[in-house]
Amino acid sequence: MLRLRTLKDVDAAEKRVLVRVDFNVPLQGGTITDDGRIRAALPTIQHLLGQRALVVLMSHLGRPKGKVVPELRMDPVARRLSELLDQPVQKLDDCVGPDVEKAVRAAGPGDVILLENLRFHAGEQQNDPEFAQALARLGDLYVNDAFGTAHRKHASTYGVARLLPAVAGFLVQKEVERLSRLREDPERPYYAIVGGAKLSDKIKVLRDLLPRVDGFLLGGGIAFTLLKAQGYAVGRSLVDAHLLPDAEAFLKEAESQGKVVELPRDVVVAPELVPNAPTQVVPVEEIPEDRMGLDIGPATVAAFQARVEEAKSLLWAGPLGAFETPPFHEGTRRVAEAIARSRAFSVIGGGDTAAALKALGIALPENVHVSTGGGAALEFVSGKSLPGLEPLLQNQ
């Protein structure tokens, strides 16, 4: 397992601690609709406050693309964090510059400062050295507790970590420990359940996982490109036509490696994706040309459940149907319930999958780890080196 320097390896007392957190929370009309990412950072923040550190928090929010977008300011996050910590959180109007440095100098041990959205500056995503140096001037010590951005080589995740003593926060430490079970020596059989809307988002994941897993259970929109590559007519179902050669190549390579590939045997079809649309269940070889597949059918659910029951390790990335629109949530719900009953060590790869399980109210046991990083989790279990973790390694 990767050996990271952690909070237990440093003394933060009376120091300015610059903490990269992932407060990229969903907003609706300026109101936070899910504060899970803020709560996930509390153990690290509270530990540092317990050591009488000055805690300077930095995060991105949304995709402002290097410009100030008023709707993506961090003010709602500061208000919610203040409530959770039960103490004031000073939110600044920028994340670098003389005024920011002055505010940090004026603060003291036990205070919490939240910087403005990092991505209001183009230098963040460009890993600009000057922007990284401007951030580094705000701290004596750097803590990365944003696993969800660990696969990005940005100024706040990589550049600044090369300029200050750098350690992992408790959330990053936990993610690495749990995900390493799939990365290094998974119990077998080990299956990857992969769904989501577009194969373009997942083809790289399938290729990267192919040598590591014993097989795939494939649903959601991505399945229809793979079915079409096998010669099936898929009606008006979502197809990434430009990826048909890639889909065919993946299926051939999986077969040559002797890997299980469970594609839908039947699907729930409808004329359009609207709530409570008229539906029918059809075998995949009988999808009407004027219908679209929007969920896996009961025979497919049963096949997936059987694989889940025999698995010792599971990775799930992407819902298996259009779960936001009833009744096309049923396949995802029933497979999730099978995972909740299973004794396999399972990782839910964050993002849409975690959102689906939360929306469906699925209670998960201790042997299921819901990662805070969708893309980061998938790259990590695929054996990739994550730029945000590199500066935290003990031999660095």
Protein backbone atom coordinates (compact mmCIF):
# COMPACT_ATOMS: atom_id res chain seq x y z
CA MET A 1 0.00 0.00 0.00
CA LEU A 2 1.13 3.56 -0.66
CA ARG A 3 2.85 4.92 2.42
CA LEU A 4 1.73 8.50 2.93
CA ARG A 5 2.89 11.09 5.42
CA THR A 6 -0.15 11.92 7.52
CA LEU A 7 -1.31 14.37 10.19
CA LYS A 8 0.14 12.04 12.80
CA ASP A 9 3.63 12.73 11.40
CA VAL A 10 3.56 16.49 12.00
CA ASP A 11 3.00 18.97 14.82
CA ALA A 12 0.54 21.62 13.67
CA ALA A 13 0.45 23.55 16.94
CA GLU A 14 0.40 27.34 16.45
CA LYS A 15 1.09 26.87 12.70
CA ARG A 16 -0.74 28.21 9.67
CA VAL A 17 -2.06 25.07 8.01
CA LEU A 18 -3.16 25.34 4.39
CA VAL A 19 -5.74 22.59 3.75
CA ARG A 20 -6.99 21.56 0.31
CA VAL A 21 -10.55 20.34 0.82
CA ASP A 22 -13.23 19.30 -1.68
CA PHE A 23 -16.15 21.62 -1.00
CA ASN A 24 -17.50 21.30 -4.55
CA VAL A 25 -21.04 20.87 -3.23
CA PRO A 26 -24.28 20.95 -5.23
CA LEU A 27 -26.09 24.31 -5.08
CA GLN A 28 -29.64 25.24 -5.95
CA GLY A 29 -30.49 28.91 -5.84
CA GLY A 30 -27.53 29.59 -3.57
CA THR A 31 -28.55 26.82 -1.14
CA ILE A 32 -26.44 23.71 -0.54
CA THR A 33 -28.53 20.63 -1.33
CA ASP A 34 -26.01 18.07 -0.01
CA ASP A 35 -23.33 18.97 2.57
CA GLY A 36 -21.70 15.53 2.56
CA ARG A 37 -18.38 16.80 1.21
CA ILE A 38 -18.19 19.45 3.92
CA ARG A 39 -18.93 16.88 6.63
CA ALA A 40 -16.27 14.55 5.20
CA ALA A 41 -13.57 17.16 5.94
CA LEU A 42 -14.63 17.80 9.55
CA PRO A 43 -12.34 15.20 11.22
CA THR A 44 -9.23 16.82 9.70
CA ILE A 45 -10.37 20.38 10.46
CA GLN A 46 -11.35 19.52 14.04
CA HIS A 47 -8.04 17.72 14.61
CA LEU A 48 -6.10 20.80 13.50
CA LEU A 49 -8.22 23.11 15.64
CA GLY A 50 -7.58 20.79 18.56
CA GLN A 51 -3.87 21.41 18.00
CA ARG A 52 -4.42 25.18 18.07
CA ALA A 53 -3.57 25.61 14.40
CA LEU A 54 -4.76 28.44 12.18
CA VAL A 55 -6.73 26.55 9.54
CA VAL A 56 -6.77 28.08 6.02
CA LEU A 57 -9.12 26.12 3.77
CA MET A 58 -9.08 26.19 -0.03
CA SER A 59 -11.42 24.55 -2.54
CA HIS A 60 -12.94 24.91 -5.97
CA LEU A 61 -16.68 25.10 -6.61
CA GLY A 62 -18.16 24.32 -10.01
CA ARG A 63 -16.47 25.21 -13.31
CA PRO A 64 -15.99 28.99 -13.52
CA LYS A 65 -13.14 28.51 -16.04
CA GLY A 66 -10.76 31.10 -14.63
CA LYS A 67 -13.32 33.87 -14.22
CA VAL A 68 -15.27 35.24 -11.26
CA VAL A 69 -18.79 33.80 -11.33
CA PRO A 70 -20.87 35.32 -8.50
CA GLU A 71 -23.12 32.24 -8.24
CA LEU A 72 -20.04 30.11 -7.49
CA ARG A 73 -18.65 32.13 -4.58
CA MET A 74 -17.89 30.14 -1.43
CA ASP A 75 -20.20 32.12 0.90
CA PRO A 76 -22.86 29.37 1.29
CA VAL A 77 -20.09 26.90 2.10
CA ALA A 78 -18.66 29.19 4.76
CA ARG A 79 -22.07 29.59 6.38
CA ARG A 80 -22.69 25.83 6.49
CA LEU A 81 -19.18 25.06 7.75
CA SER A 82 -19.60 27.63 10.52
CA GLU A 83 -22.78 25.84 11.60
CA LEU A 84 -21.11 22.42 11.58
CA LEU A 85 -18.04 23.62 13.50
CA ASP A 86 -20.11 25.83 15.82
CA GLN A 87 -17.62 28.66 15.40
CA PRO A 88 -17.12 31.58 12.98
CA VAL A 89 -15.54 30.90 9.59
CA GLN A 90 -13.95 33.94 7.97
CA LYS A 91 -14.60 33.78 4.23
CA LEU A 92 -12.26 35.93 2.11
CA ASP A 93 -13.06 37.63 -1.20
CA ASP A 94 -10.09 36.10 -3.02
CA CYS A 95 -7.67 33.22 -2.55
CA VAL A 96 -4.36 35.00 -3.25
CA GLY A 97 -2.95 38.51 -3.04
CA PRO A 98 -1.95 41.15 -0.47
CA ASP A 99 -5.40 41.43 1.13
CA VAL A 100 -5.58 37.67 1.62
CA GLU A 101 -2.09 37.55 3.11
CA LYS A 102 -2.99 40.42 5.44
CA ALA A 103 -6.14 38.62 6.65
CA VAL A 104 -4.18 35.43 7.33
CA ARG A 105 -1.51 37.38 9.27
CA ALA A 106 -4.24 38.99 11.38
CA ALA A 107 -5.84 35.65 12.31
CA GLY A 108 -4.67 33.49 15.19
CA PRO A 109 -4.51 29.90 16.46
CA GLY A 110 -7.92 28.22 16.48
CA ASP A 111 -9.32 30.44 13.72
CA VAL A 112 -10.76 29.11 10.46
CA ILE A 113 -10.42 30.96 7.15
CA LEU A 114 -12.06 29.87 3.90
CA LEU A 115 -10.49 31.23 0.70
CA GLU A 116 -12.56 32.20 -2.33
CA ASN A 117 -13.08 29.73 -5.17
CA LEU A 118 -9.66 28.63 -6.48
CA ARG A 119 -10.94 28.25 -10.03
CA PHE A 120 -11.73 31.95 -10.31
CA HIS A 121 -8.03 32.03 -11.27
CA ALA A 122 -6.88 30.28 -14.46
CA GLY A 123 -3.58 29.50 -12.72
CA GLU A 124 -5.25 26.88 -10.54
CA GLN A 125 -6.03 24.36 -13.27
CA GLN A 126 -2.87 25.30 -15.18
CA ASN A 127 -0.72 24.46 -12.13
CA ASP A 128 0.84 27.90 -12.61
CA PRO A 129 4.03 28.19 -10.48
CA GLU A 130 3.33 31.81 -9.48
CA PHE A 131 -0.21 30.97 -8.39
CA ALA A 132 1.11 28.00 -6.38
CA GLN A 133 3.70 30.25 -4.71
CA ALA A 134 1.01 32.79 -3.84
CA LEU A 135 -1.01 30.06 -2.14
CA ALA A 136 2.05 28.66 -0.37
CA ARG A 137 2.72 32.07 1.25
CA LEU A 138 -0.46 31.51 3.28
CA GLY A 139 0.78 28.43 5.15
CA ASP A 140 3.59 26.79 7.07
CA LEU A 141 2.23 23.31 6.44
CA TYR A 142 0.09 21.81 3.65
CA VAL A 143 -2.61 19.15 4.12
CA ASN A 144 -4.39 17.48 1.20
CA ASP A 145 -7.80 16.22 2.27
CA ALA A 146 -9.44 16.41 -1.18
CA PHE A 147 -9.29 12.90 -2.60
CA GLY A 148 -11.85 13.83 -5.25
CA THR A 149 -9.27 16.08 -6.96
CA ALA A 150 -6.20 13.92 -6.35
CA HIS A 151 -6.09 12.89 -10.03
CA ARG A 152 -5.69 16.53 -11.09
CA LYS A 153 -2.26 18.17 -11.37
CA HIS A 154 -3.47 21.59 -10.26
CA ALA A 155 -1.74 24.33 -8.28
CA SER A 156 -3.63 23.56 -5.08
CA THR A 157 -3.23 19.77 -5.33
CA TYR A 158 0.30 19.49 -6.69
CA GLY A 159 2.18 22.76 -7.09
CA VAL A 160 1.77 24.09 -3.55
CA ALA A 161 2.45 20.63 -2.08
CA ARG A 162 5.96 20.85 -3.58
CA LEU A 163 6.60 24.14 -1.78
CA LEU A 164 5.51 23.31 1.79
CA PRO A 165 5.85 20.28 4.10
CA ALA A 166 2.95 18.18 2.85
CA VAL A 167 0.82 15.47 4.48
CA ALA A 168 -2.44 13.64 3.87
CA GLY A 169 -5.57 14.49 5.81
CA PHE A 170 -7.73 11.82 7.42
CA LEU A 171 -10.13 11.58 4.45
CA VAL A 172 -7.34 11.02 1.91
CA GLN A 173 -5.69 8.55 4.27
CA LYS A 174 -8.94 6.56 4.62
CA GLU A 175 -9.57 6.54 0.86
CA VAL A 176 -6.09 5.20 0.12
CA GLU A 177 -6.39 2.51 2.79
CA ARG A 178 -9.80 1.29 1.60
CA LEU A 179 -9.19 1.54 -2.15
CA SER A 180 -5.83 -0.22 -1.87
CA ARG A 181 -7.74 -3.44 -1.19
CA LEU A 182 -8.88 -3.39 -4.81
CA ARG A 183 -5.71 -1.87 -6.23
CA GLU A 184 -3.20 -4.33 -4.77
CA ASP A 185 -4.58 -7.76 -3.91
CA PRO A 186 -8.35 -8.04 -4.36
CA GLU A 187 -10.12 -11.19 -3.25
CA ARG A 188 -11.55 -13.05 -6.21
CA PRO A 189 -13.77 -13.24 -8.09
CA TYR A 190 -13.58 -9.49 -8.61
CA TYR A 191 -16.22 -7.88 -10.82
CA ALA A 192 -16.61 -4.31 -12.04
CA ILE A 193 -20.17 -3.04 -12.45
CA VAL A 194 -20.02 -0.19 -14.96
CA GLY A 195 -22.92 1.96 -16.15
CA GLY A 196 -23.65 5.60 -16.85
CA ALA A 197 -24.95 7.34 -19.92
CA LYS A 198 -22.02 7.66 -22.32
CA LEU A 199 -19.40 5.10 -23.31
CA SER A 200 -17.06 8.02 -24.07
CA ASP A 201 -16.91 8.62 -20.29
CA LYS A 202 -16.19 4.96 -19.51
CA ILE A 203 -14.25 3.30 -22.34
CA LYS A 204 -10.91 4.23 -20.76
CA VAL A 205 -12.11 2.80 -17.42
CA LEU A 206 -13.05 -0.47 -19.11
CA ARG A 207 -9.66 -0.74 -20.81
CA ASP A 208 -7.74 0.11 -17.64
CA LEU A 209 -9.68 -2.39 -15.52
CA LEU A 210 -9.61 -5.23 -18.05
CA PRO A 211 -6.34 -6.83 -16.86
CA ARG A 212 -7.29 -6.38 -13.18
CA VAL A 213 -10.81 -7.77 -12.88
CA ASP A 214 -12.38 -11.16 -13.53
CA GLY A 215 -15.29 -9.67 -15.38
CA PHE A 216 -17.74 -6.85 -16.02
CA LEU A 217 -21.45 -6.30 -15.45
CA LEU A 218 -22.38 -3.56 -17.93
CA GLY A 219 -25.60 -1.54 -17.93
CA GLY A 220 -26.87 2.01 -18.34
CA GLY A 221 -26.52 3.91 -21.59
CA ILE A 222 -23.04 2.56 -22.27
CA ALA A 223 -24.43 -0.94 -22.81
CA PHE A 224 -26.21 0.03 -26.04
CA THR A 225 -23.03 0.98 -27.86
CA LEU A 226 -21.56 -2.38 -26.83
CA LEU A 227 -24.73 -4.23 -27.89
CA LYS A 228 -24.71 -2.44 -31.25
CA ALA A 229 -21.07 -3.43 -31.68
CA GLN A 230 -22.26 -7.04 -31.30
CA GLY A 231 -24.74 -6.54 -34.10
CA TYR A 232 -27.95 -5.87 -32.16
CA ALA A 233 -30.49 -3.29 -33.32
CA VAL A 234 -31.02 -0.97 -30.34
CA GLY A 235 -33.82 1.29 -31.60
CA ARG A 236 -33.51 4.88 -30.39
CA SER A 237 -31.26 3.96 -27.45
CA LEU A 238 -28.24 6.10 -26.70
CA VAL A 239 -25.27 5.08 -28.87
CA ASP A 240 -21.79 6.62 -29.13
CA ALA A 241 -21.50 5.76 -32.82
CA HIS A 242 -17.90 6.98 -33.14
CA LEU A 243 -16.90 4.50 -30.42
CA LEU A 244 -18.28 1.38 -32.09
CA PRO A 245 -14.77 0.26 -33.19
CA ASP A 246 -13.48 0.79 -29.64
CA ALA A 247 -16.43 -1.14 -28.20
CA GLU A 248 -15.82 -4.04 -30.59
CA ALA A 249 -12.10 -4.04 -29.76
CA PHE A 250 -12.83 -4.08 -26.01
CA LEU A 251 -15.24 -7.02 -26.32
CA LYS A 252 -12.73 -9.00 -28.42
CA GLU A 253 -9.90 -8.33 -25.98
CA ALA A 254 -12.08 -9.32 -23.02
CA GLU A 255 -12.93 -12.58 -24.77
CA SER A 256 -9.28 -13.27 -25.58
CA GLN A 257 -8.38 -12.75 -21.91
CA GLY A 258 -11.19 -15.04 -20.76
CA LYS A 259 -12.99 -12.29 -18.87
CA VAL A 260 -16.70 -12.44 -18.08
CA VAL A 261 -18.73 -9.70 -19.80
CA GLU A 262 -22.37 -9.60 -18.72
CA LEU A 263 -24.33 -7.32 -21.03
CA PRO A 264 -28.10 -6.77 -20.69
CA ARG A 265 -30.24 -9.73 -21.68
CA ASP A 266 -33.42 -7.69 -21.53
CA VAL A 267 -34.18 -3.98 -21.16
CA VAL A 268 -36.99 -1.67 -20.15
CA VAL A 269 -37.94 0.44 -23.17
CA ALA A 270 -40.14 3.52 -23.60
CA PRO A 271 -40.95 6.03 -26.36
CA GLU A 272 -39.19 8.81 -24.44
CA LEU A 273 -37.43 9.59 -21.17
CA VAL A 274 -40.19 11.17 -19.09
CA PRO A 275 -41.57 10.27 -15.64
CA ASN A 276 -43.99 7.34 -15.67
CA ALA A 277 -43.67 6.81 -19.42
CA PRO A 278 -45.43 3.72 -20.83
CA THR A 279 -42.87 0.91 -20.68
CA GLN A 280 -42.34 -2.66 -21.75
CA VAL A 281 -39.66 -5.24 -21.06
CA VAL A 282 -38.11 -6.78 -24.16
CA PRO A 283 -35.16 -9.10 -24.87
CA VAL A 284 -32.21 -7.18 -26.33
CA GLU A 285 -32.73 -8.85 -29.70
CA GLU A 286 -36.27 -7.42 -29.86
CA ILE A 287 -35.84 -3.70 -29.07
CA PRO A 288 -38.43 -1.84 -31.20
CA GLU A 289 -36.96 0.69 -33.60
CA ASP A 290 -39.14 3.49 -32.17
CA ARG A 291 -38.24 2.80 -28.50
CA MET A 292 -35.22 3.57 -26.35
CA GLY A 293 -33.73 1.36 -23.66
CA LEU A 294 -33.74 3.16 -20.31
CA ASP A 295 -33.09 0.45 -17.70
CA ILE A 296 -31.95 -3.14 -17.37
CA GLY A 297 -34.75 -5.72 -17.29
CA PRO A 298 -35.55 -8.39 -14.67
CA ALA A 299 -33.58 -11.18 -16.37
CA THR A 300 -30.52 -8.94 -16.45
CA VAL A 301 -31.05 -7.95 -12.82
CA ALA A 302 -31.15 -11.65 -11.86
CA ALA A 303 -27.93 -12.36 -13.79
CA PHE A 304 -26.18 -9.40 -12.17
CA GLN A 305 -27.43 -10.42 -8.71
CA ALA A 306 -26.01 -13.93 -9.22
CA ARG A 307 -22.58 -12.47 -10.04
CA VAL A 308 -22.77 -10.13 -7.03
CA GLU A 309 -23.56 -13.09 -4.76
CA GLU A 310 -20.50 -15.04 -5.91
CA ALA A 311 -18.13 -12.05 -5.87
CA LYS A 312 -15.53 -11.45 -3.17
CA SER A 313 -14.67 -7.97 -4.50
CA LEU A 314 -16.82 -5.43 -6.36
CA LEU A 315 -16.30 -2.04 -7.96
CA TRP A 316 -19.31 -0.03 -9.12
CA ALA A 317 -19.09 3.02 -11.37
CA GLY A 318 -22.23 4.42 -12.98
CA PRO A 319 -25.98 3.80 -12.56
CA LEU A 320 -27.59 1.00 -14.57
CA GLY A 321 -30.54 3.04 -15.85
CA ALA A 322 -31.95 6.55 -15.96
CA PHE A 323 -32.42 6.44 -12.17
CA GLU A 324 -33.49 10.09 -11.83
CA THR A 325 -36.68 9.35 -13.80
CA PRO A 326 -39.05 6.73 -12.35
CA PRO A 327 -39.63 3.93 -13.17
CA PHE A 328 -36.13 3.62 -14.69
CA HIS A 329 -34.45 3.44 -11.25
CA GLU A 330 -35.50 -0.13 -10.54
CA GLY A 331 -32.49 -1.96 -11.99
CA THR A 332 -30.04 0.24 -10.12
CA ARG A 333 -32.05 -0.19 -6.90
CA ARG A 334 -32.21 -3.98 -7.09
CA VAL A 335 -28.50 -4.40 -7.85
CA ALA A 336 -27.67 -1.96 -5.03
CA GLU A 337 -29.76 -4.05 -2.64
CA ALA A 338 -27.86 -7.16 -3.73
CA ILE A 339 -24.56 -5.40 -2.97
CA ALA A 340 -25.91 -4.34 0.44
CA ARG A 341 -26.68 -8.02 1.19
CA SER A 342 -23.34 -9.25 -0.15
CA ARG A 343 -20.32 -10.04 1.99
CA ALA A 344 -17.97 -8.86 -0.76
CA PHE A 345 -15.73 -5.88 -0.16
CA SER A 346 -17.29 -3.30 -2.44
CA VAL A 347 -16.29 0.17 -3.61
CA ILE A 348 -18.86 2.61 -4.96
CA GLY A 349 -16.96 4.99 -7.22
CA GLY A 350 -18.53 8.27 -6.12
CA GLY A 351 -20.25 10.71 -8.48
CA ASP A 352 -23.52 9.63 -10.08
CA THR A 353 -23.45 6.18 -8.49
CA ALA A 354 -23.27 7.55 -4.95
CA ALA A 355 -25.96 10.10 -5.83
CA ALA A 356 -28.20 7.31 -7.13
CA LEU A 357 -27.83 5.24 -3.96
CA LYS A 358 -28.54 8.26 -1.79
CA ALA A 359 -31.61 9.18 -3.85
CA LEU A 360 -32.88 5.60 -3.60
CA GLY A 361 -32.31 5.49 0.17
CA ILE A 362 -30.09 2.40 0.06
CA ALA A 363 -28.44 1.72 3.44
CA LEU A 364 -24.97 0.24 2.96
CA PRO A 365 -23.03 -1.92 5.44
CA GLU A 366 -19.44 -1.46 6.61
CA ASN A 367 -17.99 -3.70 3.87
CA VAL A 368 -19.15 -1.17 1.24
CA HIS A 369 -16.95 1.90 0.80
CA VAL A 370 -18.53 4.90 -0.92
CA SER A 371 -15.61 6.90 -2.29
CA THR A 372 -15.64 10.71 -2.29
CA GLY A 373 -13.78 10.68 -5.59
CA GLY A 374 -15.37 9.30 -8.74
CA GLY A 375 -12.62 9.76 -11.33
CA ALA A 376 -9.85 9.66 -8.72
CA ALA A 377 -11.13 6.38 -7.27
CA LEU A 378 -11.32 4.72 -10.68
CA GLU A 379 -7.83 5.84 -11.66
CA PHE A 380 -6.43 4.72 -8.31
CA VAL A 381 -7.91 1.19 -8.37
CA SER A 382 -6.74 0.90 -12.00
CA GLY A 383 -3.18 1.26 -10.71
CA LYS A 384 -2.57 4.81 -11.89
CA SER A 385 -0.33 7.27 -10.04
CA LEU A 386 -2.38 10.23 -8.80
CA PRO A 387 -0.55 13.60 -8.97
CA GLY A 388 -2.18 14.81 -5.75
CA LEU A 389 -0.78 11.86 -3.80
CA GLU A 390 2.77 11.98 -5.16
CA PRO A 391 3.98 14.85 -2.91
CA LEU A 392 2.53 13.07 0.15
CA LEU A 393 4.53 9.85 -0.22
CA GLN A 394 6.85 9.06 2.65
CA ASN A 395 9.90 8.78 0.39
CA GLN A 396 9.33 12.25 -1.13
